[in-house]
Amino acid sequence: MLVLELALPVVLIAALVLVLYLRLKRPSPLPLGCIIPKVCVVGPEEILRSNGTDEYQREGRLRWQARWKQFRVNWGYVGQMAENTTLFQRTLRFDEMRIASGKLGMDYAPRETAVLVLAGEAAQVRWQLFRSRIMLVARLALGLRIRQRALVKLLERYKELEHSIIALTAMADEECYQEMLIERLGLANWKLIDGGGSTA
């Protein structure tokens, strides 16, 4: 009985870690048309402007209030990126399921190859966002200011994923879906250029 009581917390923690891992790496699949109404705009200007103010140079109680405000703004912003990345993962998993399991790698169509590559990239970005939220909590607890450079790097990686998903949608000739996705993400000036980049 004592062994069972000691083992139970370990089992529960292991189960929690497994569930968290599966949710980060393998969320439930969802077709592209279902995620479009759920994605949101992730605009960098507002958050970077907020982090760049001199308000965080204050002392005492005012400094703590400024840190708390900065934390809340950044938490929400990173949360938006995480939510969109999860939705991207779900539609990529849906596309993965449509690839024949017995097919050899050399037989993959270009879009199928792109789906598999982006599925791995989306999982990495989601894990990075998860770690960033932990770091936000840690920096708040220690009274430290948010690191602007780390946030910019995170934003750049997320935006690369965002643009890749739009390009992937174009490869499937789903023009109406691509236009709706661009609009929902607030990328009205986005267009594909030679080499797979974008002008947005």
N, C-alpha and C. Protein backbone atom coordinates (compact mmCIF):
# COMPACT_ATOMS: atom_id res chain seq x y z
N MET A 1 0.82 -1.20 0.00
CA MET A 1 0.00 0.00 0.00
C MET A 1 0.87 1.27 0.00
N LEU A 2 1.95 1.25 0.76
CA LEU A 2 2.87 2.39 0.83
C LEU A 2 3.51 2.65 -0.53
N VAL A 3 3.86 1.56 -1.21
CA VAL A 3 4.46 1.69 -2.54
C VAL A 3 3.48 2.34 -3.51
N LEU A 4 2.22 1.94 -3.40
CA LEU A 4 1.17 2.51 -4.26
C LEU A 4 1.00 4.00 -3.99
N GLU A 5 1.00 4.38 -2.72
CA GLU A 5 0.85 5.80 -2.36
C GLU A 5 2.02 6.63 -2.86
N LEU A 6 3.21 6.06 -2.82
CA LEU A 6 4.39 6.77 -3.31
C LEU A 6 4.43 6.84 -4.83
N ALA A 7 3.93 5.77 -5.46
CA ALA A 7 3.98 5.70 -6.93
C ALA A 7 2.90 6.55 -7.59
N LEU A 8 1.79 6.76 -6.90
CA LEU A 8 0.66 7.47 -7.50
C LEU A 8 1.02 8.88 -7.97
N PRO A 9 1.69 9.70 -7.14
CA PRO A 9 2.07 11.03 -7.63
C PRO A 9 2.98 10.99 -8.86
N VAL A 10 3.90 10.01 -8.88
CA VAL A 10 4.80 9.88 -10.02
C VAL A 10 4.02 9.54 -11.28
N VAL A 11 3.07 8.63 -11.15
CA VAL A 11 2.24 8.23 -12.29
C VAL A 11 1.41 9.42 -12.78
N LEU A 12 0.84 10.17 -11.85
CA LEU A 12 0.03 11.33 -12.23
C LEU A 12 0.86 12.40 -12.94
N ILE A 13 2.06 12.64 -12.43
CA ILE A 13 2.94 13.62 -13.07
C ILE A 13 3.35 13.15 -14.46
N ALA A 14 3.67 11.86 -14.58
CA ALA A 14 4.05 11.30 -15.88
C ALA A 14 2.90 11.41 -16.87
N ALA A 15 1.68 11.14 -16.40
CA ALA A 15 0.50 11.24 -17.26
C ALA A 15 0.28 12.69 -17.70
N LEU A 16 0.47 13.62 -16.79
CA LEU A 16 0.30 15.04 -17.11
C LEU A 16 1.32 15.49 -18.15
N VAL A 17 2.57 15.05 -17.97
CA VAL A 17 3.62 15.39 -18.93
C VAL A 17 3.31 14.81 -20.30
N LEU A 18 2.82 13.57 -20.32
CA LEU A 18 2.48 12.92 -21.59
C LEU A 18 1.35 13.65 -22.30
N VAL A 19 0.31 14.02 -21.55
CA VAL A 19 -0.81 14.76 -22.14
C VAL A 19 -0.34 16.09 -22.69
N LEU A 20 0.48 16.79 -21.92
CA LEU A 20 1.01 18.09 -22.36
C LEU A 20 1.85 17.93 -23.62
N TYR A 21 2.69 16.88 -23.64
CA TYR A 21 3.53 16.63 -24.81
C TYR A 21 2.67 16.36 -26.05
N LEU A 22 1.66 15.53 -25.90
CA LEU A 22 0.80 15.20 -27.04
C LEU A 22 0.02 16.42 -27.53
N ARG A 23 -0.40 17.27 -26.59
CA ARG A 23 -1.12 18.48 -26.99
C ARG A 23 -0.21 19.46 -27.71
N LEU A 24 1.05 19.49 -27.33
CA LEU A 24 2.00 20.38 -27.99
C LEU A 24 2.44 19.83 -29.35
N LYS A 25 2.67 18.53 -29.40
CA LYS A 25 3.22 17.92 -30.61
C LYS A 25 2.15 17.43 -31.59
N ARG A 26 1.05 16.92 -31.07
CA ARG A 26 0.06 16.27 -31.92
C ARG A 26 -1.36 16.67 -31.54
N PRO A 27 -1.74 17.93 -31.76
CA PRO A 27 -3.13 18.32 -31.48
C PRO A 27 -4.08 17.65 -32.48
N SER A 28 -5.34 17.63 -32.16
CA SER A 28 -6.32 16.94 -33.01
C SER A 28 -6.41 17.61 -34.39
N PRO A 29 -6.52 16.81 -35.46
CA PRO A 29 -6.55 17.35 -36.83
C PRO A 29 -7.83 18.15 -37.11
N LEU A 30 -7.71 19.13 -37.99
CA LEU A 30 -8.84 19.97 -38.35
C LEU A 30 -8.63 20.50 -39.77
N PRO A 31 -9.65 20.46 -40.64
CA PRO A 31 -9.47 20.95 -42.01
C PRO A 31 -9.19 22.45 -42.04
N LEU A 32 -8.54 22.90 -43.09
CA LEU A 32 -8.17 24.30 -43.23
C LEU A 32 -9.38 25.23 -43.13
N GLY A 33 -10.48 24.85 -43.76
CA GLY A 33 -11.67 25.69 -43.75
C GLY A 33 -12.21 25.94 -42.36
N CYS A 34 -11.93 25.03 -41.43
CA CYS A 34 -12.43 25.17 -40.05
C CYS A 34 -11.55 26.08 -39.20
N ILE A 35 -10.27 26.21 -39.55
CA ILE A 35 -9.40 27.04 -38.70
C ILE A 35 -9.45 28.52 -39.08
N ILE A 36 -9.83 28.80 -40.32
CA ILE A 36 -9.77 30.18 -40.81
C ILE A 36 -10.56 31.16 -39.93
N PRO A 37 -11.80 30.84 -39.52
CA PRO A 37 -12.52 31.82 -38.68
C PRO A 37 -11.91 32.00 -37.30
N LYS A 38 -11.00 31.10 -36.90
CA LYS A 38 -10.47 31.13 -35.53
C LYS A 38 -9.12 31.83 -35.42
N VAL A 39 -8.40 32.01 -36.54
CA VAL A 39 -7.09 32.66 -36.45
C VAL A 39 -7.27 34.15 -36.19
N CYS A 40 -6.24 34.77 -35.61
CA CYS A 40 -6.32 36.20 -35.29
C CYS A 40 -5.07 36.92 -35.78
N VAL A 41 -5.17 38.23 -35.86
CA VAL A 41 -4.04 39.05 -36.31
C VAL A 41 -2.97 39.09 -35.22
N VAL A 42 -1.72 38.87 -35.63
CA VAL A 42 -0.58 39.04 -34.73
C VAL A 42 0.27 40.16 -35.31
N GLY A 43 0.00 41.40 -34.87
CA GLY A 43 0.72 42.56 -35.38
C GLY A 43 1.84 42.97 -34.44
N PRO A 44 3.07 43.05 -34.93
CA PRO A 44 4.21 43.30 -34.04
C PRO A 44 4.35 44.74 -33.56
N GLU A 45 3.84 45.70 -34.33
CA GLU A 45 4.12 47.10 -34.02
C GLU A 45 3.65 47.50 -32.63
N GLU A 46 2.44 47.12 -32.29
CA GLU A 46 1.87 47.55 -31.01
C GLU A 46 2.63 46.98 -29.82
N ILE A 47 2.94 45.71 -29.88
CA ILE A 47 3.63 45.07 -28.75
C ILE A 47 5.05 45.61 -28.60
N LEU A 48 5.76 45.79 -29.71
CA LEU A 48 7.13 46.30 -29.63
C LEU A 48 7.15 47.74 -29.14
N ARG A 49 6.15 48.51 -29.56
CA ARG A 49 6.04 49.90 -29.09
C ARG A 49 5.76 49.94 -27.60
N SER A 50 4.91 49.02 -27.13
CA SER A 50 4.58 48.96 -25.71
C SER A 50 5.80 48.60 -24.87
N ASN A 51 6.59 47.65 -25.35
CA ASN A 51 7.79 47.23 -24.61
C ASN A 51 8.88 48.29 -24.64
N GLY A 52 8.83 49.21 -25.60
CA GLY A 52 9.88 50.20 -25.74
C GLY A 52 9.66 51.47 -24.95
N THR A 53 8.57 51.57 -24.21
CA THR A 53 8.30 52.81 -23.47
C THR A 53 9.22 52.93 -22.25
N ASP A 54 9.36 54.15 -21.75
CA ASP A 54 10.20 54.42 -20.58
C ASP A 54 9.47 54.16 -19.27
N GLU A 55 8.23 53.70 -19.36
CA GLU A 55 7.44 53.50 -18.16
C GLU A 55 8.05 52.48 -17.22
N TYR A 56 8.87 51.56 -17.77
CA TYR A 56 9.40 50.47 -16.96
C TYR A 56 10.66 50.86 -16.19
N GLN A 57 11.04 52.14 -16.29
CA GLN A 57 12.21 52.61 -15.56
C GLN A 57 11.86 53.13 -14.16
N ARG A 58 10.60 53.10 -13.80
CA ARG A 58 10.16 53.64 -12.51
C ARG A 58 10.63 52.76 -11.35
N GLU A 59 10.49 53.29 -10.16
CA GLU A 59 10.97 52.59 -8.96
C GLU A 59 9.80 52.18 -8.06
N GLY A 60 10.09 51.25 -7.13
CA GLY A 60 9.13 50.86 -6.10
C GLY A 60 7.86 50.25 -6.65
N ARG A 61 6.75 50.66 -6.06
CA ARG A 61 5.45 50.09 -6.42
C ARG A 61 5.10 50.38 -7.87
N LEU A 62 5.46 51.57 -8.33
CA LEU A 62 5.17 51.92 -9.73
C LEU A 62 5.93 51.00 -10.68
N ARG A 63 7.14 50.63 -10.29
CA ARG A 63 7.92 49.71 -11.13
C ARG A 63 7.24 48.35 -11.21
N TRP A 64 6.75 47.84 -10.08
CA TRP A 64 6.06 46.54 -10.08
C TRP A 64 4.80 46.60 -10.95
N GLN A 65 4.05 47.70 -10.84
CA GLN A 65 2.86 47.85 -11.66
C GLN A 65 3.20 47.87 -13.14
N ALA A 66 4.29 48.54 -13.48
CA ALA A 66 4.73 48.58 -14.88
C ALA A 66 5.14 47.19 -15.36
N ARG A 67 5.85 46.44 -14.50
CA ARG A 67 6.26 45.07 -14.86
C ARG A 67 5.02 44.20 -15.08
N TRP A 68 4.03 44.33 -14.20
CA TRP A 68 2.80 43.53 -14.31
C TRP A 68 2.07 43.86 -15.59
N LYS A 69 2.00 45.15 -15.92
CA LYS A 69 1.34 45.55 -17.16
C LYS A 69 2.07 45.00 -18.37
N GLN A 70 3.40 45.08 -18.33
CA GLN A 70 4.19 44.55 -19.43
C GLN A 70 4.00 43.04 -19.57
N PHE A 71 3.96 42.34 -18.44
CA PHE A 71 3.74 40.90 -18.47
C PHE A 71 2.41 40.57 -19.13
N ARG A 72 1.35 41.26 -18.71
CA ARG A 72 0.01 40.96 -19.25
C ARG A 72 -0.06 41.19 -20.75
N VAL A 73 0.56 42.26 -21.22
CA VAL A 73 0.55 42.57 -22.65
C VAL A 73 1.31 41.48 -23.43
N ASN A 74 2.50 41.14 -22.93
CA ASN A 74 3.31 40.13 -23.62
C ASN A 74 2.69 38.74 -23.52
N TRP A 75 2.09 38.42 -22.38
CA TRP A 75 1.42 37.12 -22.22
C TRP A 75 0.31 36.96 -23.25
N GLY A 76 -0.49 38.00 -23.40
CA GLY A 76 -1.57 37.94 -24.39
C GLY A 76 -1.05 37.83 -25.80
N TYR A 77 0.03 38.55 -26.09
CA TYR A 77 0.60 38.56 -27.43
C TYR A 77 1.19 37.19 -27.79
N VAL A 78 1.98 36.64 -26.87
CA VAL A 78 2.55 35.30 -27.11
C VAL A 78 1.42 34.27 -27.18
N GLY A 79 0.38 34.47 -26.40
CA GLY A 79 -0.78 33.58 -26.44
C GLY A 79 -1.46 33.59 -27.81
N GLN A 80 -1.53 34.76 -28.45
CA GLN A 80 -2.11 34.84 -29.79
C GLN A 80 -1.28 34.02 -30.78
N MET A 81 0.03 34.14 -30.68
CA MET A 81 0.90 33.36 -31.57
C MET A 81 0.72 31.87 -31.31
N ALA A 82 0.61 31.49 -30.04
CA ALA A 82 0.45 30.08 -29.69
C ALA A 82 -0.87 29.53 -30.21
N GLU A 83 -1.94 30.31 -30.09
CA GLU A 83 -3.25 29.85 -30.57
C GLU A 83 -3.23 29.65 -32.08
N ASN A 84 -2.67 30.62 -32.81
CA ASN A 84 -2.59 30.48 -34.27
C ASN A 84 -1.71 29.29 -34.66
N THR A 85 -0.59 29.12 -33.97
CA THR A 85 0.31 28.00 -34.28
C THR A 85 -0.38 26.67 -34.04
N THR A 86 -1.17 26.58 -32.99
CA THR A 86 -1.93 25.35 -32.72
C THR A 86 -2.90 25.07 -33.85
N LEU A 87 -3.57 26.10 -34.33
CA LEU A 87 -4.50 25.93 -35.45
C LEU A 87 -3.77 25.49 -36.71
N PHE A 88 -2.59 26.07 -36.95
CA PHE A 88 -1.79 25.64 -38.10
C PHE A 88 -1.40 24.17 -37.97
N GLN A 89 -1.00 23.78 -36.76
CA GLN A 89 -0.64 22.37 -36.51
C GLN A 89 -1.82 21.45 -36.81
N ARG A 90 -2.99 21.86 -36.39
CA ARG A 90 -4.17 21.01 -36.56
C ARG A 90 -4.49 20.79 -38.04
N THR A 91 -4.38 21.84 -38.84
CA THR A 91 -4.68 21.66 -40.27
C THR A 91 -3.55 20.89 -40.97
N LEU A 92 -2.31 21.05 -40.50
CA LEU A 92 -1.21 20.27 -41.07
C LEU A 92 -1.36 18.79 -40.73
N ARG A 93 -1.82 18.51 -39.52
CA ARG A 93 -2.08 17.11 -39.14
C ARG A 93 -3.19 16.51 -39.99
N PHE A 94 -4.20 17.33 -40.31
CA PHE A 94 -5.28 16.86 -41.18
C PHE A 94 -4.73 16.51 -42.56
N ASP A 95 -3.84 17.37 -43.08
CA ASP A 95 -3.23 17.10 -44.39
C ASP A 95 -2.30 15.90 -44.34
N GLU A 96 -1.61 15.72 -43.21
CA GLU A 96 -0.74 14.55 -43.05
C GLU A 96 -1.54 13.26 -43.15
N MET A 97 -2.72 13.25 -42.57
CA MET A 97 -3.56 12.05 -42.57
C MET A 97 -4.00 11.66 -43.98
N ARG A 98 -3.99 12.63 -44.88
CA ARG A 98 -4.43 12.37 -46.26
C ARG A 98 -3.30 11.82 -47.13
N ILE A 99 -2.07 11.83 -46.60
CA ILE A 99 -0.94 11.27 -47.35
C ILE A 99 -0.93 9.75 -47.14
N ALA A 100 -0.88 9.01 -48.22
CA ALA A 100 -0.89 7.55 -48.14
C ALA A 100 0.28 7.06 -47.30
N SER A 101 -0.01 6.21 -46.33
CA SER A 101 1.02 5.76 -45.38
C SER A 101 2.11 4.91 -46.04
N GLY A 102 1.76 4.18 -47.10
CA GLY A 102 2.74 3.31 -47.75
C GLY A 102 3.58 4.00 -48.81
N LYS A 103 3.35 5.29 -49.02
CA LYS A 103 4.06 6.01 -50.08
C LYS A 103 5.50 6.28 -49.69
N LEU A 104 6.43 6.09 -50.65
CA LEU A 104 7.84 6.37 -50.42
C LEU A 104 8.08 7.88 -50.50
N GLY A 105 9.11 8.34 -49.80
CA GLY A 105 9.42 9.76 -49.77
C GLY A 105 9.63 10.36 -51.14
N MET A 106 10.26 9.60 -52.06
CA MET A 106 10.53 10.12 -53.40
C MET A 106 9.25 10.25 -54.23
N ASP A 107 8.16 9.62 -53.76
CA ASP A 107 6.90 9.68 -54.49
C ASP A 107 5.99 10.81 -54.00
N TYR A 108 6.43 11.54 -52.98
CA TYR A 108 5.61 12.62 -52.45
C TYR A 108 5.48 13.75 -53.47
N ALA A 109 4.28 14.30 -53.56
CA ALA A 109 4.08 15.52 -54.35
C ALA A 109 4.73 16.68 -53.59
N PRO A 110 5.06 17.78 -54.29
CA PRO A 110 5.68 18.93 -53.60
C PRO A 110 4.87 19.42 -52.40
N ARG A 111 3.56 19.44 -52.52
CA ARG A 111 2.75 19.91 -51.41
C ARG A 111 2.81 18.96 -50.22
N GLU A 112 2.86 17.66 -50.50
CA GLU A 112 2.95 16.67 -49.41
C GLU A 112 4.26 16.81 -48.66
N THR A 113 5.35 17.04 -49.40
CA THR A 113 6.65 17.27 -48.76
C THR A 113 6.60 18.51 -47.89
N ALA A 114 5.97 19.57 -48.42
CA ALA A 114 5.87 20.83 -47.67
C ALA A 114 5.04 20.63 -46.40
N VAL A 115 3.99 19.84 -46.48
CA VAL A 115 3.15 19.56 -45.30
C VAL A 115 3.96 18.90 -44.20
N LEU A 116 4.75 17.89 -44.57
CA LEU A 116 5.54 17.17 -43.57
C LEU A 116 6.61 18.06 -42.94
N VAL A 117 7.25 18.89 -43.76
CA VAL A 117 8.28 19.80 -43.24
C VAL A 117 7.65 20.83 -42.31
N LEU A 118 6.52 21.40 -42.73
CA LEU A 118 5.86 22.44 -41.93
C LEU A 118 5.26 21.88 -40.64
N ALA A 119 4.84 20.62 -40.68
CA ALA A 119 4.30 20.01 -39.46
C ALA A 119 5.37 19.97 -38.37
N GLY A 120 6.60 19.62 -38.76
CA GLY A 120 7.70 19.62 -37.80
C GLY A 120 8.06 21.03 -37.35
N GLU A 121 8.04 21.97 -38.27
CA GLU A 121 8.36 23.36 -37.95
C GLU A 121 7.32 23.95 -36.99
N ALA A 122 6.05 23.67 -37.26
CA ALA A 122 4.98 24.19 -36.39
C ALA A 122 5.11 23.64 -34.98
N ALA A 123 5.46 22.36 -34.86
CA ALA A 123 5.64 21.76 -33.53
C ALA A 123 6.79 22.43 -32.78
N GLN A 124 7.87 22.75 -33.49
CA GLN A 124 9.00 23.43 -32.86
C GLN A 124 8.64 24.84 -32.41
N VAL A 125 7.91 25.56 -33.26
CA VAL A 125 7.48 26.92 -32.90
C VAL A 125 6.55 26.88 -31.70
N ARG A 126 5.65 25.90 -31.68
CA ARG A 126 4.72 25.80 -30.54
C ARG A 126 5.48 25.52 -29.24
N TRP A 127 6.48 24.66 -29.30
CA TRP A 127 7.28 24.37 -28.11
C TRP A 127 8.05 25.62 -27.66
N GLN A 128 8.57 26.36 -28.62
CA GLN A 128 9.29 27.59 -28.30
C GLN A 128 8.36 28.62 -27.65
N LEU A 129 7.13 28.70 -28.12
CA LEU A 129 6.15 29.61 -27.53
C LEU A 129 5.79 29.18 -26.12
N PHE A 130 5.69 27.87 -25.91
CA PHE A 130 5.39 27.35 -24.58
C PHE A 130 6.50 27.73 -23.60
N ARG A 131 7.74 27.55 -24.03
CA ARG A 131 8.88 27.91 -23.17
C ARG A 131 8.91 29.42 -22.92
N SER A 132 8.55 30.19 -23.93
CA SER A 132 8.55 31.65 -23.76
C SER A 132 7.54 32.09 -22.71
N ARG A 133 6.41 31.41 -22.64
CA ARG A 133 5.42 31.78 -21.63
C ARG A 133 5.93 31.44 -20.23
N ILE A 134 6.65 30.34 -20.11
CA ILE A 134 7.26 30.01 -18.82
C ILE A 134 8.28 31.08 -18.43
N MET A 135 9.08 31.52 -19.41
CA MET A 135 10.08 32.55 -19.14
C MET A 135 9.43 33.87 -18.75
N LEU A 136 8.29 34.18 -19.35
CA LEU A 136 7.58 35.41 -18.98
C LEU A 136 7.19 35.38 -17.50
N VAL A 137 6.68 34.23 -17.06
CA VAL A 137 6.29 34.09 -15.65
C VAL A 137 7.52 34.21 -14.75
N ALA A 138 8.61 33.57 -15.16
CA ALA A 138 9.84 33.60 -14.35
C ALA A 138 10.39 35.03 -14.24
N ARG A 139 10.39 35.76 -15.35
CA ARG A 139 10.91 37.13 -15.33
C ARG A 139 10.02 38.04 -14.50
N LEU A 140 8.71 37.80 -14.53
CA LEU A 140 7.81 38.58 -13.69
C LEU A 140 8.12 38.31 -12.22
N ALA A 141 8.28 37.05 -11.87
CA ALA A 141 8.54 36.68 -10.47
C ALA A 141 9.85 37.29 -9.97
N LEU A 142 10.83 37.41 -10.88
CA LEU A 142 12.14 37.96 -10.50
C LEU A 142 12.20 39.48 -10.65
N GLY A 143 11.11 40.07 -11.15
CA GLY A 143 11.08 41.52 -11.32
C GLY A 143 11.93 42.01 -12.47
N LEU A 144 12.15 41.15 -13.48
CA LEU A 144 13.00 41.51 -14.62
C LEU A 144 12.16 42.01 -15.79
N ARG A 145 12.77 42.84 -16.58
CA ARG A 145 12.10 43.37 -17.76
C ARG A 145 12.09 42.32 -18.87
N ILE A 146 11.07 42.37 -19.72
CA ILE A 146 10.98 41.44 -20.85
C ILE A 146 12.13 41.73 -21.82
N ARG A 147 12.76 40.68 -22.30
CA ARG A 147 13.87 40.84 -23.25
C ARG A 147 13.32 41.08 -24.65
N GLN A 148 13.53 42.28 -25.16
CA GLN A 148 13.00 42.67 -26.46
C GLN A 148 13.59 41.83 -27.58
N ARG A 149 14.88 41.55 -27.51
CA ARG A 149 15.54 40.79 -28.58
C ARG A 149 14.96 39.39 -28.71
N ALA A 150 14.70 38.73 -27.57
CA ALA A 150 14.12 37.39 -27.59
C ALA A 150 12.72 37.42 -28.19
N LEU A 151 11.97 38.46 -27.86
CA LEU A 151 10.61 38.59 -28.40
C LEU A 151 10.64 38.79 -29.91
N VAL A 152 11.57 39.59 -30.39
CA VAL A 152 11.69 39.83 -31.83
C VAL A 152 12.04 38.53 -32.57
N LYS A 153 12.96 37.75 -32.02
CA LYS A 153 13.33 36.48 -32.65
C LYS A 153 12.14 35.52 -32.69
N LEU A 154 11.39 35.49 -31.61
CA LEU A 154 10.20 34.64 -31.55
C LEU A 154 9.19 35.09 -32.59
N LEU A 155 8.99 36.38 -32.69
CA LEU A 155 8.07 36.94 -33.67
C LEU A 155 8.48 36.59 -35.09
N GLU A 156 9.78 36.71 -35.37
CA GLU A 156 10.29 36.40 -36.72
C GLU A 156 10.01 34.95 -37.08
N ARG A 157 10.25 34.04 -36.14
CA ARG A 157 10.04 32.63 -36.43
C ARG A 157 8.55 32.34 -36.64
N TYR A 158 7.72 32.96 -35.83
CA TYR A 158 6.27 32.76 -36.00
C TYR A 158 5.82 33.30 -37.35
N LYS A 159 6.29 34.49 -37.74
CA LYS A 159 5.87 35.09 -39.01
C LYS A 159 6.32 34.25 -40.19
N GLU A 160 7.49 33.62 -40.10
CA GLU A 160 7.93 32.71 -41.16
C GLU A 160 6.95 31.55 -41.32
N LEU A 161 6.51 31.01 -40.18
CA LEU A 161 5.53 29.92 -40.22
C LEU A 161 4.22 30.40 -40.82
N GLU A 162 3.78 31.57 -40.41
CA GLU A 162 2.54 32.15 -40.91
C GLU A 162 2.56 32.27 -42.43
N HIS A 163 3.66 32.81 -42.96
CA HIS A 163 3.79 32.98 -44.41
C HIS A 163 3.89 31.64 -45.13
N SER A 164 4.54 30.67 -44.51
CA SER A 164 4.66 29.34 -45.12
C SER A 164 3.29 28.66 -45.23
N ILE A 165 2.45 28.86 -44.22
CA ILE A 165 1.11 28.28 -44.26
C ILE A 165 0.30 28.88 -45.40
N ILE A 166 0.43 30.19 -45.60
CA ILE A 166 -0.29 30.84 -46.70
C ILE A 166 0.21 30.31 -48.04
N ALA A 167 1.53 30.17 -48.17
CA ALA A 167 2.10 29.63 -49.41
C ALA A 167 1.65 28.19 -49.64
N LEU A 168 1.55 27.41 -48.57
CA LEU A 168 1.07 26.03 -48.68
C LEU A 168 -0.37 26.00 -49.18
N THR A 169 -1.17 26.92 -48.70
CA THR A 169 -2.56 26.99 -49.14
C THR A 169 -2.63 27.28 -50.64
N ALA A 170 -1.73 28.12 -51.13
CA ALA A 170 -1.70 28.44 -52.56
C ALA A 170 -1.33 27.21 -53.38
N MET A 171 -0.49 26.33 -52.83
CA MET A 171 -0.07 25.12 -53.55
C MET A 171 -1.23 24.15 -53.77
N ALA A 172 -2.26 24.28 -52.95
CA ALA A 172 -3.41 23.39 -53.08
C ALA A 172 -4.48 23.97 -54.00
N ASP A 173 -4.19 25.13 -54.60
CA ASP A 173 -5.13 25.82 -55.49
C ASP A 173 -6.45 26.16 -54.79
N GLU A 174 -6.37 26.38 -53.49
CA GLU A 174 -7.57 26.77 -52.74
C GLU A 174 -7.55 28.28 -52.60
N GLU A 175 -7.83 28.95 -53.73
CA GLU A 175 -7.67 30.40 -53.79
C GLU A 175 -8.56 31.13 -52.79
N CYS A 176 -9.81 30.67 -52.66
CA CYS A 176 -10.71 31.36 -51.74
C CYS A 176 -10.23 31.20 -50.30
N TYR A 177 -9.71 30.02 -49.93
CA TYR A 177 -9.19 29.80 -48.59
C TYR A 177 -7.96 30.68 -48.34
N GLN A 178 -7.11 30.78 -49.35
CA GLN A 178 -5.91 31.59 -49.19
C GLN A 178 -6.27 33.05 -48.95
N GLU A 179 -7.21 33.57 -49.72
CA GLU A 179 -7.62 34.96 -49.56
C GLU A 179 -8.25 35.20 -48.19
N MET A 180 -9.07 34.26 -47.73
CA MET A 180 -9.69 34.41 -46.41
C MET A 180 -8.65 34.36 -45.30
N LEU A 181 -7.67 33.46 -45.44
CA LEU A 181 -6.62 33.32 -44.43
C LEU A 181 -5.78 34.59 -44.35
N ILE A 182 -5.43 35.13 -45.52
CA ILE A 182 -4.66 36.38 -45.56
C ILE A 182 -5.42 37.50 -44.86
N GLU A 183 -6.71 37.58 -45.13
CA GLU A 183 -7.53 38.63 -44.51
C GLU A 183 -7.62 38.45 -43.00
N ARG A 184 -7.85 37.21 -42.54
CA ARG A 184 -7.97 36.95 -41.10
C ARG A 184 -6.68 37.23 -40.35
N LEU A 185 -5.54 37.02 -41.01
CA LEU A 185 -4.24 37.25 -40.38
C LEU A 185 -3.79 38.71 -40.50
N GLY A 186 -4.60 39.52 -41.16
CA GLY A 186 -4.28 40.94 -41.30
C GLY A 186 -3.11 41.21 -42.22
N LEU A 187 -2.97 40.38 -43.24
CA LEU A 187 -1.84 40.52 -44.18
C LEU A 187 -2.35 40.92 -45.56
N ALA A 188 -3.08 42.01 -45.61
CA ALA A 188 -3.72 42.43 -46.86
C ALA A 188 -2.72 42.67 -47.98
N ASN A 189 -1.50 43.08 -47.65
CA ASN A 189 -0.49 43.37 -48.67
C ASN A 189 0.40 42.16 -48.98
N TRP A 190 0.04 40.99 -48.41
CA TRP A 190 0.87 39.80 -48.61
C TRP A 190 0.72 39.29 -50.03
N LYS A 191 1.86 38.95 -50.64
CA LYS A 191 1.83 38.26 -51.93
C LYS A 191 3.11 37.48 -52.08
N LEU A 192 3.00 36.35 -52.76
CA LEU A 192 4.17 35.47 -52.94
C LEU A 192 5.11 36.07 -53.97
N ILE A 193 6.40 35.99 -53.69
CA ILE A 193 7.41 36.44 -54.65
C ILE A 193 8.32 35.28 -55.00
N ASP A 194 9.15 35.46 -56.00
CA ASP A 194 10.04 34.37 -56.42
C ASP A 194 10.91 33.91 -55.26
N GLY A 195 11.03 32.59 -55.14
CA GLY A 195 11.86 32.03 -54.08
C GLY A 195 11.07 31.64 -52.84
N GLY A 196 9.76 31.89 -52.84
CA GLY A 196 8.93 31.44 -51.74
C GLY A 196 8.78 32.43 -50.61
N GLY A 197 9.39 33.62 -50.74
CA GLY A 197 9.23 34.63 -49.69
C GLY A 197 7.94 35.38 -49.88
N SER A 198 7.79 36.48 -49.15
CA SER A 198 6.60 37.30 -49.30
C SER A 198 6.98 38.76 -49.15
N THR A 199 6.09 39.63 -49.58
CA THR A 199 6.35 41.07 -49.51
C THR A 199 5.79 41.65 -48.22
N ALA A 200 5.07 40.87 -47.40
CA ALA A 200 4.48 41.41 -46.19
C ALA A 200 5.48 41.40 -45.05
